[in-house]
Amino acid sequence: MTARWRALCIDVVDGGAMGAFWAAATGLVHRPGEGDPGHLDGGPEGSLVRLCAVPEPVTVKQRVHLDLHVADVADLVAVGATVVDDSQPWTVLADPEGGELCAFARDEVPAYKVYEVSVDAADPERIARWWAERFGVEARNGGEPWWWLEGVPGAPFDSLVFGPVPEPKTVKNRIHWDVTGSVDDFLAAGATALRDMPRWRVLADPEGNEFCVFPSD
């Protein structure tokens, strides 16, 4: 069975501020919930973003971040982002709560602005190949230090990218993804069971990245 991309989830402390920011950053619409931060929708299949309320602030560099299409970095600064590093062909920013994101300036910007989902990895090749097998796609490298997957089933962005970092994972990721698939298949492939929920299971991949599996219908 091939897993299918379902949604992104972002931990937030201030649901109103972060909902407004990420709606502007992604091109989606913030739908606040009753007593919870709500979600973002209004884009293509797989573009749903769930906002998850957490009490803890950002304390370390995020191991999962979003790369965005932008017309001008100033557009993100205007809605609450802070420039961290503009020395690369892309710009690293922090969202209103300090989580990293990268902006890629374009002459033409699509309505849905998420370009890539990027993941820090101790062993990019190994974890990229692991996820490639789960999604039924090819892990690519092109002679670069990083690895990526294209054509992830159900994903509305270009690539899922795994880049090398020296530091180990120390805290729960503030951004994770949901998939539709078989929990048993993931466990048999080396995932770790973390928590049972009424409608889904929380697992971790071989590098400890949390993700949620919803059973296939």
N, C-alpha and C. Protein backbone atom coordinates (compact mmCIF):
# COMPACT_ATOMS: atom_id res chain seq x y z
N MET A 1 0.85 -1.20 0.00
CA MET A 1 0.00 0.00 0.00
C MET A 1 0.88 1.25 0.00
N THR A 2 0.54 2.23 -0.81
CA THR A 2 1.27 3.49 -0.87
C THR A 2 0.58 4.53 0.01
N ALA A 3 1.33 5.17 0.89
CA ALA A 3 0.78 6.23 1.71
C ALA A 3 0.48 7.46 0.84
N ARG A 4 -0.42 8.29 1.33
CA ARG A 4 -0.82 9.49 0.61
C ARG A 4 -0.77 10.69 1.55
N TRP A 5 -0.21 11.77 1.06
CA TRP A 5 -0.15 13.02 1.84
C TRP A 5 -1.57 13.48 2.16
N ARG A 6 -1.76 13.97 3.41
CA ARG A 6 -3.09 14.40 3.83
C ARG A 6 -3.13 15.87 4.25
N ALA A 7 -2.18 16.30 5.09
CA ALA A 7 -2.21 17.68 5.60
C ALA A 7 -0.91 17.99 6.32
N LEU A 8 -0.70 19.28 6.58
CA LEU A 8 0.36 19.75 7.46
C LEU A 8 -0.25 20.15 8.79
N CYS A 9 0.54 20.09 9.84
CA CYS A 9 0.12 20.54 11.17
C CYS A 9 1.21 21.43 11.74
N ILE A 10 0.81 22.58 12.27
CA ILE A 10 1.76 23.53 12.84
C ILE A 10 1.38 23.83 14.28
N ASP A 11 2.31 23.62 15.22
CA ASP A 11 2.08 23.98 16.61
C ASP A 11 2.13 25.49 16.77
N VAL A 12 1.19 26.03 17.52
CA VAL A 12 1.13 27.48 17.73
C VAL A 12 0.77 27.77 19.19
N VAL A 13 1.27 28.89 19.69
CA VAL A 13 0.88 29.37 21.01
C VAL A 13 -0.27 30.35 20.87
N ASP A 14 -0.13 31.30 19.95
CA ASP A 14 -1.17 32.32 19.70
C ASP A 14 -1.86 31.96 18.38
N GLY A 15 -2.99 31.29 18.47
CA GLY A 15 -3.68 30.82 17.27
C GLY A 15 -4.14 31.93 16.35
N GLY A 16 -4.57 33.05 16.92
CA GLY A 16 -5.04 34.14 16.09
C GLY A 16 -3.93 34.76 15.27
N ALA A 17 -2.82 35.09 15.93
CA ALA A 17 -1.70 35.72 15.23
C ALA A 17 -1.06 34.77 14.23
N MET A 18 -0.87 33.52 14.62
CA MET A 18 -0.24 32.56 13.73
C MET A 18 -1.18 32.15 12.60
N GLY A 19 -2.47 32.08 12.87
CA GLY A 19 -3.42 31.78 11.81
C GLY A 19 -3.42 32.86 10.75
N ALA A 20 -3.40 34.12 11.18
CA ALA A 20 -3.38 35.23 10.24
C ALA A 20 -2.08 35.24 9.44
N PHE A 21 -0.96 34.99 10.13
CA PHE A 21 0.33 34.99 9.43
C PHE A 21 0.40 33.89 8.39
N TRP A 22 0.09 32.65 8.79
CA TRP A 22 0.25 31.54 7.87
C TRP A 22 -0.79 31.56 6.75
N ALA A 23 -1.94 32.17 6.99
CA ALA A 23 -2.89 32.34 5.90
C ALA A 23 -2.29 33.24 4.82
N ALA A 24 -1.70 34.36 5.25
CA ALA A 24 -1.07 35.28 4.29
C ALA A 24 0.14 34.63 3.62
N ALA A 25 0.92 33.87 4.39
CA ALA A 25 2.14 33.29 3.85
C ALA A 25 1.88 32.17 2.85
N THR A 26 0.80 31.42 3.06
CA THR A 26 0.52 30.27 2.20
C THR A 26 -0.51 30.54 1.11
N GLY A 27 -1.28 31.62 1.27
CA GLY A 27 -2.36 31.87 0.32
C GLY A 27 -3.63 31.14 0.67
N LEU A 28 -3.72 30.62 1.90
CA LEU A 28 -4.91 29.91 2.35
C LEU A 28 -5.79 30.83 3.19
N VAL A 29 -6.90 30.29 3.69
CA VAL A 29 -7.85 31.05 4.51
C VAL A 29 -7.87 30.47 5.91
N HIS A 30 -7.73 31.33 6.92
CA HIS A 30 -7.77 30.87 8.30
C HIS A 30 -9.22 30.70 8.76
N ARG A 31 -9.53 29.51 9.28
CA ARG A 31 -10.85 29.22 9.82
C ARG A 31 -10.69 28.94 11.32
N PRO A 32 -10.82 29.96 12.18
CA PRO A 32 -10.66 29.73 13.62
C PRO A 32 -11.70 28.74 14.12
N GLY A 33 -11.31 27.92 15.10
CA GLY A 33 -12.23 26.97 15.69
C GLY A 33 -12.89 27.55 16.92
N GLU A 34 -13.75 26.77 17.53
CA GLU A 34 -14.40 27.18 18.77
C GLU A 34 -13.54 26.69 19.93
N GLY A 35 -12.75 27.60 20.48
CA GLY A 35 -11.86 27.25 21.56
C GLY A 35 -10.55 26.64 21.14
N ASP A 36 -10.26 26.65 19.84
CA ASP A 36 -8.98 26.14 19.35
C ASP A 36 -8.53 27.00 18.18
N PRO A 37 -7.26 26.87 17.76
CA PRO A 37 -6.73 27.75 16.70
C PRO A 37 -7.36 27.53 15.33
N GLY A 38 -8.02 26.38 15.12
CA GLY A 38 -8.67 26.14 13.83
C GLY A 38 -7.71 25.58 12.80
N HIS A 39 -7.96 25.95 11.54
CA HIS A 39 -7.16 25.41 10.44
C HIS A 39 -7.11 26.39 9.29
N LEU A 40 -6.30 26.08 8.28
CA LEU A 40 -6.22 26.85 7.04
C LEU A 40 -6.67 25.95 5.91
N ASP A 41 -7.49 26.50 5.02
CA ASP A 41 -7.91 25.73 3.86
C ASP A 41 -8.13 26.67 2.68
N GLY A 42 -8.75 26.14 1.63
CA GLY A 42 -9.04 26.96 0.46
C GLY A 42 -8.05 26.79 -0.67
N GLY A 43 -7.18 25.80 -0.57
CA GLY A 43 -6.20 25.54 -1.62
C GLY A 43 -6.43 24.21 -2.30
N PRO A 44 -5.44 23.70 -3.00
CA PRO A 44 -5.57 22.43 -3.71
C PRO A 44 -5.61 21.25 -2.74
N GLU A 45 -5.85 20.06 -3.28
CA GLU A 45 -5.84 18.85 -2.47
C GLU A 45 -4.54 18.74 -1.68
N GLY A 46 -4.66 18.39 -0.40
CA GLY A 46 -3.48 18.21 0.42
C GLY A 46 -2.93 19.47 1.06
N SER A 47 -3.56 20.63 0.79
CA SER A 47 -3.03 21.89 1.30
C SER A 47 -3.57 22.26 2.67
N LEU A 48 -4.46 21.44 3.23
CA LEU A 48 -4.99 21.72 4.55
C LEU A 48 -3.87 21.86 5.57
N VAL A 49 -3.96 22.88 6.42
CA VAL A 49 -3.00 23.08 7.51
C VAL A 49 -3.80 23.14 8.81
N ARG A 50 -3.53 22.22 9.70
CA ARG A 50 -4.16 22.23 11.02
C ARG A 50 -3.26 22.99 11.99
N LEU A 51 -3.84 23.89 12.77
CA LEU A 51 -3.10 24.64 13.78
C LEU A 51 -3.34 23.98 15.13
N CYS A 52 -2.27 23.56 15.78
CA CYS A 52 -2.36 22.79 17.02
C CYS A 52 -1.89 23.65 18.19
N ALA A 53 -2.76 23.89 19.16
CA ALA A 53 -2.41 24.72 20.31
C ALA A 53 -1.43 23.99 21.22
N VAL A 54 -0.33 24.66 21.56
CA VAL A 54 0.65 24.13 22.50
C VAL A 54 1.04 25.24 23.47
N PRO A 55 1.47 24.89 24.68
CA PRO A 55 1.87 25.92 25.65
C PRO A 55 3.31 26.36 25.51
N GLU A 56 4.16 25.50 24.95
CA GLU A 56 5.60 25.78 24.96
C GLU A 56 6.01 26.66 23.78
N PRO A 57 6.87 27.65 24.00
CA PRO A 57 7.36 28.50 22.91
C PRO A 57 8.45 27.79 22.13
N VAL A 58 8.83 28.38 21.00
CA VAL A 58 9.96 27.88 20.22
C VAL A 58 11.24 28.06 21.03
N THR A 59 12.03 26.99 21.15
CA THR A 59 13.26 27.07 21.92
C THR A 59 14.50 26.68 21.11
N VAL A 60 14.32 25.94 20.03
CA VAL A 60 15.45 25.51 19.21
C VAL A 60 15.06 25.66 17.74
N LYS A 61 16.05 25.61 16.88
CA LYS A 61 15.81 25.67 15.44
C LYS A 61 14.89 24.51 15.03
N GLN A 62 13.89 24.82 14.20
CA GLN A 62 12.95 23.80 13.76
C GLN A 62 13.62 22.82 12.80
N ARG A 63 13.30 21.54 12.96
CA ARG A 63 13.83 20.53 12.05
C ARG A 63 12.94 20.36 10.82
N VAL A 64 11.74 20.89 10.88
CA VAL A 64 10.86 20.91 9.70
C VAL A 64 10.43 22.35 9.47
N HIS A 65 10.60 22.84 8.24
CA HIS A 65 10.15 24.19 7.93
C HIS A 65 9.56 24.22 6.52
N LEU A 66 8.89 25.30 6.20
CA LEU A 66 8.29 25.47 4.88
C LEU A 66 9.11 26.43 4.04
N ASP A 67 9.26 26.10 2.77
CA ASP A 67 9.81 27.01 1.77
C ASP A 67 8.66 27.59 0.98
N LEU A 68 8.66 28.91 0.80
CA LEU A 68 7.53 29.60 0.20
C LEU A 68 7.91 30.38 -1.05
N HIS A 69 6.98 30.43 -2.01
CA HIS A 69 7.07 31.37 -3.12
C HIS A 69 6.63 32.75 -2.62
N VAL A 70 7.39 33.78 -2.95
CA VAL A 70 6.98 35.15 -2.60
C VAL A 70 7.29 36.10 -3.75
N ALA A 71 6.48 37.14 -3.86
CA ALA A 71 6.80 38.20 -4.81
C ALA A 71 7.91 39.08 -4.25
N ASP A 72 7.86 39.32 -2.94
CA ASP A 72 8.84 40.16 -2.26
C ASP A 72 8.89 39.74 -0.80
N VAL A 73 10.09 39.58 -0.26
CA VAL A 73 10.24 39.21 1.14
C VAL A 73 9.54 40.21 2.05
N ALA A 74 9.48 41.44 1.61
CA ALA A 74 8.81 42.49 2.40
C ALA A 74 7.36 42.16 2.68
N ASP A 75 6.74 41.37 1.79
CA ASP A 75 5.34 40.99 2.01
C ASP A 75 5.20 40.13 3.27
N LEU A 76 6.18 39.26 3.54
CA LEU A 76 6.14 38.44 4.74
C LEU A 76 6.49 39.25 5.99
N VAL A 77 7.44 40.18 5.84
CA VAL A 77 7.79 41.05 6.96
C VAL A 77 6.58 41.89 7.36
N ALA A 78 5.81 42.32 6.38
CA ALA A 78 4.64 43.17 6.65
C ALA A 78 3.57 42.44 7.47
N VAL A 79 3.56 41.11 7.42
CA VAL A 79 2.54 40.37 8.18
C VAL A 79 3.13 39.70 9.42
N GLY A 80 4.37 40.04 9.79
CA GLY A 80 4.88 39.60 11.07
C GLY A 80 6.15 38.79 11.06
N ALA A 81 6.72 38.50 9.89
CA ALA A 81 7.97 37.74 9.85
C ALA A 81 9.17 38.64 10.13
N THR A 82 10.27 38.02 10.52
CA THR A 82 11.53 38.72 10.78
C THR A 82 12.62 38.09 9.93
N VAL A 83 13.41 38.90 9.24
CA VAL A 83 14.51 38.37 8.43
C VAL A 83 15.62 37.88 9.35
N VAL A 84 16.08 36.65 9.12
CA VAL A 84 17.16 36.04 9.89
C VAL A 84 18.46 36.02 9.09
N ASP A 85 18.37 35.69 7.79
CA ASP A 85 19.56 35.57 6.95
C ASP A 85 19.17 35.83 5.50
N ASP A 86 19.75 36.85 4.90
CA ASP A 86 19.46 37.16 3.50
C ASP A 86 20.71 37.02 2.63
N SER A 87 21.66 36.18 3.06
CA SER A 87 22.92 36.04 2.34
C SER A 87 22.89 34.94 1.29
N GLN A 88 21.79 34.19 1.20
CA GLN A 88 21.66 33.09 0.26
C GLN A 88 20.75 33.50 -0.91
N PRO A 89 20.65 32.67 -1.95
CA PRO A 89 19.70 32.98 -3.03
C PRO A 89 18.25 33.01 -2.53
N TRP A 90 18.01 32.46 -1.35
CA TRP A 90 16.71 32.54 -0.69
C TRP A 90 16.89 33.31 0.61
N THR A 91 15.80 33.66 1.27
CA THR A 91 15.87 34.41 2.52
C THR A 91 15.29 33.57 3.64
N VAL A 92 16.05 33.45 4.73
CA VAL A 92 15.56 32.76 5.92
C VAL A 92 14.88 33.78 6.82
N LEU A 93 13.66 33.45 7.24
CA LEU A 93 12.90 34.33 8.13
C LEU A 93 12.41 33.53 9.33
N ALA A 94 11.90 34.25 10.32
CA ALA A 94 11.22 33.63 11.45
C ALA A 94 9.78 34.11 11.45
N ASP A 95 8.85 33.19 11.74
CA ASP A 95 7.45 33.58 11.84
C ASP A 95 7.22 34.33 13.15
N PRO A 96 6.02 34.81 13.45
CA PRO A 96 5.81 35.62 14.65
C PRO A 96 6.17 34.93 15.97
N GLU A 97 6.27 33.60 15.97
CA GLU A 97 6.65 32.90 17.20
C GLU A 97 8.08 32.35 17.16
N GLY A 98 8.82 32.72 16.10
CA GLY A 98 10.23 32.35 16.04
C GLY A 98 10.56 31.13 15.22
N GLY A 99 9.57 30.49 14.61
CA GLY A 99 9.83 29.33 13.77
C GLY A 99 10.38 29.74 12.41
N GLU A 100 11.36 28.99 11.93
CA GLU A 100 12.01 29.33 10.67
C GLU A 100 11.15 28.99 9.45
N LEU A 101 11.36 29.76 8.38
CA LEU A 101 10.80 29.49 7.07
C LEU A 101 11.73 30.11 6.05
N CYS A 102 11.64 29.68 4.80
CA CYS A 102 12.49 30.24 3.75
C CYS A 102 11.62 30.79 2.63
N ALA A 103 12.02 31.95 2.12
CA ALA A 103 11.28 32.62 1.06
C ALA A 103 12.10 32.64 -0.22
N PHE A 104 11.46 32.26 -1.32
CA PHE A 104 12.10 32.26 -2.63
C PHE A 104 11.36 33.26 -3.52
N ALA A 105 12.04 34.33 -3.89
CA ALA A 105 11.42 35.39 -4.67
C ALA A 105 11.15 34.92 -6.10
N ARG A 106 9.96 35.20 -6.60
CA ARG A 106 9.54 34.78 -7.93
C ARG A 106 8.95 35.98 -8.69
N ASP A 107 9.09 35.94 -10.01
CA ASP A 107 8.42 36.94 -10.83
C ASP A 107 6.92 36.70 -10.86
N GLU A 108 6.53 35.43 -10.83
CA GLU A 108 5.12 35.07 -10.78
C GLU A 108 4.90 34.14 -9.59
N VAL A 109 3.94 34.48 -8.75
CA VAL A 109 3.69 33.72 -7.53
C VAL A 109 2.33 33.02 -7.64
N PRO A 110 2.30 31.70 -7.45
CA PRO A 110 1.02 31.00 -7.52
C PRO A 110 0.12 31.36 -6.35
N ALA A 111 -1.17 31.07 -6.48
CA ALA A 111 -2.12 31.37 -5.41
C ALA A 111 -1.78 30.59 -4.14
N TYR A 112 -1.41 29.33 -4.30
CA TYR A 112 -0.96 28.51 -3.17
C TYR A 112 0.56 28.61 -3.14
N LYS A 113 1.11 29.12 -2.05
CA LYS A 113 2.50 29.58 -2.06
C LYS A 113 3.52 28.62 -1.45
N VAL A 114 3.09 27.46 -0.98
CA VAL A 114 4.06 26.52 -0.43
C VAL A 114 4.82 25.87 -1.57
N TYR A 115 6.13 25.98 -1.53
CA TYR A 115 7.01 25.47 -2.57
C TYR A 115 7.56 24.10 -2.21
N GLU A 116 8.10 23.98 -0.99
CA GLU A 116 8.68 22.72 -0.52
C GLU A 116 8.44 22.59 0.98
N VAL A 117 8.47 21.35 1.46
CA VAL A 117 8.57 21.07 2.89
C VAL A 117 9.98 20.53 3.11
N SER A 118 10.74 21.19 3.99
CA SER A 118 12.15 20.85 4.20
C SER A 118 12.35 20.27 5.60
N VAL A 119 13.16 19.22 5.67
CA VAL A 119 13.36 18.47 6.91
C VAL A 119 14.86 18.34 7.18
N ASP A 120 15.30 18.74 8.37
CA ASP A 120 16.68 18.51 8.78
C ASP A 120 16.89 17.02 9.03
N ALA A 121 18.04 16.50 8.65
CA ALA A 121 18.28 15.07 8.78
C ALA A 121 19.73 14.77 9.15
N ALA A 122 19.90 13.76 10.00
CA ALA A 122 21.23 13.27 10.32
C ALA A 122 21.80 12.48 9.14
N ASP A 123 20.92 11.73 8.47
CA ASP A 123 21.31 10.92 7.31
C ASP A 123 20.27 11.14 6.21
N PRO A 124 20.45 12.21 5.41
CA PRO A 124 19.42 12.56 4.43
C PRO A 124 19.09 11.44 3.44
N GLU A 125 20.10 10.72 2.98
CA GLU A 125 19.83 9.65 2.02
C GLU A 125 18.96 8.56 2.63
N ARG A 126 19.32 8.13 3.81
CA ARG A 126 18.57 7.04 4.45
C ARG A 126 17.11 7.42 4.69
N ILE A 127 16.87 8.60 5.27
CA ILE A 127 15.49 8.96 5.59
C ILE A 127 14.70 9.33 4.33
N ALA A 128 15.37 9.89 3.33
CA ALA A 128 14.69 10.18 2.07
C ALA A 128 14.25 8.88 1.40
N ARG A 129 15.12 7.89 1.39
CA ARG A 129 14.76 6.61 0.78
C ARG A 129 13.65 5.92 1.57
N TRP A 130 13.66 6.08 2.89
CA TRP A 130 12.60 5.48 3.71
C TRP A 130 11.25 6.08 3.35
N TRP A 131 11.17 7.41 3.27
CA TRP A 131 9.91 8.05 2.92
C TRP A 131 9.54 7.80 1.45
N ALA A 132 10.53 7.72 0.59
CA ALA A 132 10.25 7.41 -0.82
C ALA A 132 9.54 6.07 -0.94
N GLU A 133 9.99 5.08 -0.18
CA GLU A 133 9.33 3.78 -0.21
C GLU A 133 7.90 3.86 0.32
N ARG A 134 7.68 4.64 1.33
CA ARG A 134 6.33 4.77 1.90
C ARG A 134 5.38 5.44 0.90
N PHE A 135 5.88 6.44 0.17
CA PHE A 135 5.03 7.17 -0.77
C PHE A 135 5.04 6.57 -2.18
N GLY A 136 5.91 5.60 -2.41
CA GLY A 136 5.97 4.98 -3.73
C GLY A 136 6.57 5.88 -4.80
N VAL A 137 7.56 6.68 -4.41
CA VAL A 137 8.24 7.57 -5.36
C VAL A 137 9.74 7.32 -5.27
N GLU A 138 10.51 8.08 -6.06
CA GLU A 138 11.96 7.92 -6.11
C GLU A 138 12.64 8.99 -5.26
N ALA A 139 13.65 8.58 -4.50
CA ALA A 139 14.48 9.54 -3.78
C ALA A 139 15.56 10.04 -4.73
N ARG A 140 15.72 11.35 -4.83
CA ARG A 140 16.67 11.94 -5.76
C ARG A 140 17.73 12.74 -5.03
N ASN A 141 18.88 12.88 -5.71
CA ASN A 141 19.99 13.58 -5.07
C ASN A 141 20.68 14.55 -6.02
N GLY A 142 20.97 14.15 -7.25
CA GLY A 142 21.59 15.03 -8.22
C GLY A 142 22.97 15.50 -7.83
N GLY A 143 23.67 14.73 -7.00
CA GLY A 143 25.02 15.13 -6.60
C GLY A 143 25.07 16.19 -5.52
N GLU A 144 23.91 16.53 -4.94
CA GLU A 144 23.86 17.56 -3.89
C GLU A 144 23.96 16.90 -2.51
N PRO A 145 24.24 17.69 -1.47
CA PRO A 145 24.28 17.12 -0.12
C PRO A 145 22.89 16.72 0.38
N TRP A 146 21.86 17.29 -0.20
CA TRP A 146 20.49 17.01 0.24
C TRP A 146 19.81 16.03 -0.73
N TRP A 147 18.73 15.43 -0.24
CA TRP A 147 17.92 14.51 -1.04
C TRP A 147 16.49 15.02 -1.05
N TRP A 148 15.74 14.63 -2.10
CA TRP A 148 14.37 15.12 -2.17
C TRP A 148 13.46 14.10 -2.87
N LEU A 149 12.16 14.26 -2.60
CA LEU A 149 11.12 13.45 -3.23
C LEU A 149 10.22 14.37 -4.03
N GLU A 150 9.93 14.00 -5.24
CA GLU A 150 8.95 14.71 -6.06
C GLU A 150 7.78 13.78 -6.35
N GLY A 151 6.62 14.37 -6.62
CA GLY A 151 5.46 13.57 -6.98
C GLY A 151 4.87 12.79 -5.82
N VAL A 152 5.03 13.30 -4.59
CA VAL A 152 4.43 12.62 -3.43
C VAL A 152 2.91 12.59 -3.61
N PRO A 153 2.28 11.42 -3.55
CA PRO A 153 0.83 11.33 -3.78
C PRO A 153 0.04 12.26 -2.87
N GLY A 154 -0.80 13.09 -3.46
CA GLY A 154 -1.65 14.00 -2.71
C GLY A 154 -1.00 15.28 -2.26
N ALA A 155 0.32 15.43 -2.45
CA ALA A 155 1.02 16.63 -1.98
C ALA A 155 0.87 17.77 -2.98
N PRO A 156 0.54 18.98 -2.53
CA PRO A 156 0.35 20.11 -3.44
C PRO A 156 1.59 20.94 -3.69
N PHE A 157 2.72 20.53 -3.14
CA PHE A 157 3.97 21.28 -3.29
C PHE A 157 4.94 20.50 -4.17
N ASP A 158 6.06 21.15 -4.54
CA ASP A 158 7.00 20.54 -5.47
C ASP A 158 7.77 19.36 -4.88
N SER A 159 8.31 19.53 -3.67
CA SER A 159 9.26 18.54 -3.16
C SER A 159 9.18 18.42 -1.64
N LEU A 160 9.51 17.23 -1.16
CA LEU A 160 9.79 16.99 0.24
C LEU A 160 11.31 16.80 0.32
N VAL A 161 11.99 17.72 1.01
CA VAL A 161 13.45 17.81 0.96
C VAL A 161 14.06 17.44 2.31
N PHE A 162 15.14 16.65 2.27
CA PHE A 162 15.86 16.24 3.48
C PHE A 162 17.29 16.75 3.38
N GLY A 163 17.65 17.68 4.27
CA GLY A 163 18.97 18.30 4.22
C GLY A 163 19.81 17.93 5.43
N PRO A 164 21.14 17.82 5.25
CA PRO A 164 22.01 17.39 6.35
C PRO A 164 22.23 18.48 7.39
N VAL A 165 22.17 18.07 8.66
CA VAL A 165 22.53 18.96 9.78
C VAL A 165 23.33 18.14 10.78
N PRO A 166 24.23 18.78 11.54
CA PRO A 166 25.04 18.03 12.51
C PRO A 166 24.34 17.77 13.83
N GLU A 167 23.36 18.63 14.17
CA GLU A 167 22.77 18.53 15.51
C GLU A 167 21.66 17.48 15.55
N PRO A 168 21.52 16.75 16.67
CA PRO A 168 20.46 15.75 16.80
C PRO A 168 19.11 16.39 17.12
N LYS A 169 18.06 15.64 16.92
CA LYS A 169 16.71 16.08 17.30
C LYS A 169 16.60 16.03 18.81
N THR A 170 16.09 17.11 19.42
CA THR A 170 16.01 17.16 20.88
C THR A 170 14.60 17.41 21.40
N VAL A 171 13.72 18.00 20.60
CA VAL A 171 12.36 18.29 21.06
C VAL A 171 11.38 17.89 19.96
N LYS A 172 10.11 17.81 20.34
CA LYS A 172 9.06 17.50 19.37
C LYS A 172 9.04 18.53 18.25
N ASN A 173 8.90 18.06 17.02
CA ASN A 173 8.80 18.98 15.89
C ASN A 173 7.54 19.83 16.01
N ARG A 174 7.67 21.12 15.69
CA ARG A 174 6.51 22.00 15.73
C ARG A 174 5.71 21.97 14.42
N ILE A 175 6.30 21.38 13.39
CA ILE A 175 5.58 21.13 12.14
C ILE A 175 5.69 19.65 11.83
N HIS A 176 4.55 19.02 11.58
CA HIS A 176 4.57 17.62 11.15
C HIS A 176 3.53 17.43 10.06
N TRP A 177 3.52 16.26 9.46
CA TRP A 177 2.54 16.00 8.40
C TRP A 177 1.68 14.80 8.75
N ASP A 178 0.49 14.80 8.18
CA ASP A 178 -0.46 13.69 8.29
C ASP A 178 -0.49 12.95 6.96
N VAL A 179 -0.63 11.64 7.03
CA VAL A 179 -0.78 10.84 5.83
C VAL A 179 -1.97 9.90 5.99
N THR A 180 -2.44 9.40 4.88
CA THR A 180 -3.42 8.32 4.87
C THR A 180 -2.68 7.06 4.47
N GLY A 181 -2.85 5.99 5.22
CA GLY A 181 -2.12 4.76 4.90
C GLY A 181 -2.35 3.69 5.94
N SER A 182 -1.45 2.73 5.98
CA SER A 182 -1.54 1.59 6.89
C SER A 182 -0.55 1.75 8.03
N VAL A 183 -1.07 1.81 9.25
CA VAL A 183 -0.20 1.88 10.42
C VAL A 183 0.70 0.65 10.48
N ASP A 184 0.13 -0.51 10.22
CA ASP A 184 0.92 -1.74 10.29
C ASP A 184 2.09 -1.70 9.30
N ASP A 185 1.85 -1.18 8.10
CA ASP A 185 2.92 -1.08 7.10
C ASP A 185 4.03 -0.16 7.59
N PHE A 186 3.65 0.96 8.19
CA PHE A 186 4.66 1.89 8.70
C PHE A 186 5.47 1.25 9.83
N LEU A 187 4.79 0.57 10.74
CA LEU A 187 5.49 -0.07 11.85
C LEU A 187 6.42 -1.17 11.36
N ALA A 188 5.96 -1.94 10.38
CA ALA A 188 6.79 -3.01 9.83
C ALA A 188 8.03 -2.45 9.15
N ALA A 189 7.94 -1.22 8.65
CA ALA A 189 9.06 -0.60 7.94
C ALA A 189 10.02 0.11 8.89
N GLY A 190 9.70 0.16 10.18
CA GLY A 190 10.64 0.76 11.13
C GLY A 190 10.16 2.00 11.85
N ALA A 191 8.90 2.41 11.62
CA ALA A 191 8.34 3.54 12.37
C ALA A 191 8.11 3.12 13.82
N THR A 192 8.04 4.10 14.71
CA THR A 192 7.80 3.87 16.13
C THR A 192 6.44 4.41 16.51
N ALA A 193 5.65 3.62 17.24
CA ALA A 193 4.34 4.07 17.71
C ALA A 193 4.52 4.99 18.91
N LEU A 194 3.90 6.17 18.86
CA LEU A 194 4.00 7.13 19.96
C LEU A 194 2.71 7.28 20.75
N ARG A 195 1.58 7.33 20.06
CA ARG A 195 0.34 7.62 20.76
C ARG A 195 -0.85 7.19 19.91
N ASP A 196 -1.90 6.67 20.57
CA ASP A 196 -3.14 6.31 19.89
C ASP A 196 -4.16 7.41 20.10
N MET A 197 -4.78 7.85 19.02
CA MET A 197 -5.86 8.83 19.07
C MET A 197 -7.12 8.17 18.54
N PRO A 198 -8.29 8.78 18.77
CA PRO A 198 -9.53 8.13 18.31
C PRO A 198 -9.58 7.85 16.82
N ARG A 199 -9.03 8.75 15.99
CA ARG A 199 -9.16 8.59 14.54
C ARG A 199 -7.83 8.37 13.83
N TRP A 200 -6.71 8.48 14.56
CA TRP A 200 -5.41 8.35 13.92
C TRP A 200 -4.38 7.83 14.93
N ARG A 201 -3.21 7.46 14.42
CA ARG A 201 -2.10 7.03 15.25
C ARG A 201 -0.94 7.99 15.04
N VAL A 202 -0.29 8.35 16.13
CA VAL A 202 0.90 9.19 16.06
C VAL A 202 2.13 8.28 16.06
N LEU A 203 2.96 8.40 15.02
CA LEU A 203 4.15 7.60 14.87
C LEU A 203 5.37 8.51 14.72
N ALA A 204 6.56 7.92 14.74
CA ALA A 204 7.79 8.65 14.43
C ALA A 204 8.56 7.86 13.39
N ASP A 205 9.18 8.57 12.47
CA ASP A 205 9.99 7.90 11.45
C ASP A 205 11.34 7.50 12.05
N PRO A 206 12.23 6.84 11.31
CA PRO A 206 13.49 6.38 11.89
C PRO A 206 14.41 7.47 12.44
N GLU A 207 14.16 8.74 12.08
CA GLU A 207 14.95 9.84 12.66
C GLU A 207 14.18 10.57 13.76
N GLY A 208 13.02 10.03 14.15
CA GLY A 208 12.28 10.61 15.26
C GLY A 208 11.28 11.68 14.87
N ASN A 209 11.09 11.94 13.57
CA ASN A 209 10.12 12.95 13.15
C ASN A 209 8.70 12.43 13.32
N GLU A 210 7.91 13.18 14.07
CA GLU A 210 6.53 12.77 14.31
C GLU A 210 5.67 12.93 13.07
N PHE A 211 4.73 12.01 12.87
CA PHE A 211 3.73 12.13 11.81
C PHE A 211 2.50 11.36 12.25
N CYS A 212 1.37 11.66 11.63
CA CYS A 212 0.12 11.00 11.99
C CYS A 212 -0.40 10.20 10.81
N VAL A 213 -0.90 8.99 11.09
CA VAL A 213 -1.43 8.13 10.07
C VAL A 213 -2.93 7.95 10.27
N PHE A 214 -3.69 8.31 9.25
CA PHE A 214 -5.13 8.09 9.22
C PHE A 214 -5.38 6.83 8.39
N PRO A 215 -6.20 5.90 8.87
CA PRO A 215 -6.43 4.67 8.11
C PRO A 215 -7.05 4.96 6.74
N SER A 216 -6.66 4.19 5.76
CA SER A 216 -7.27 4.28 4.44
C SER A 216 -8.70 3.78 4.51
N ASP A 217 -9.59 4.41 3.77
CA ASP A 217 -11.00 3.98 3.75
C ASP A 217 -11.13 2.63 3.06
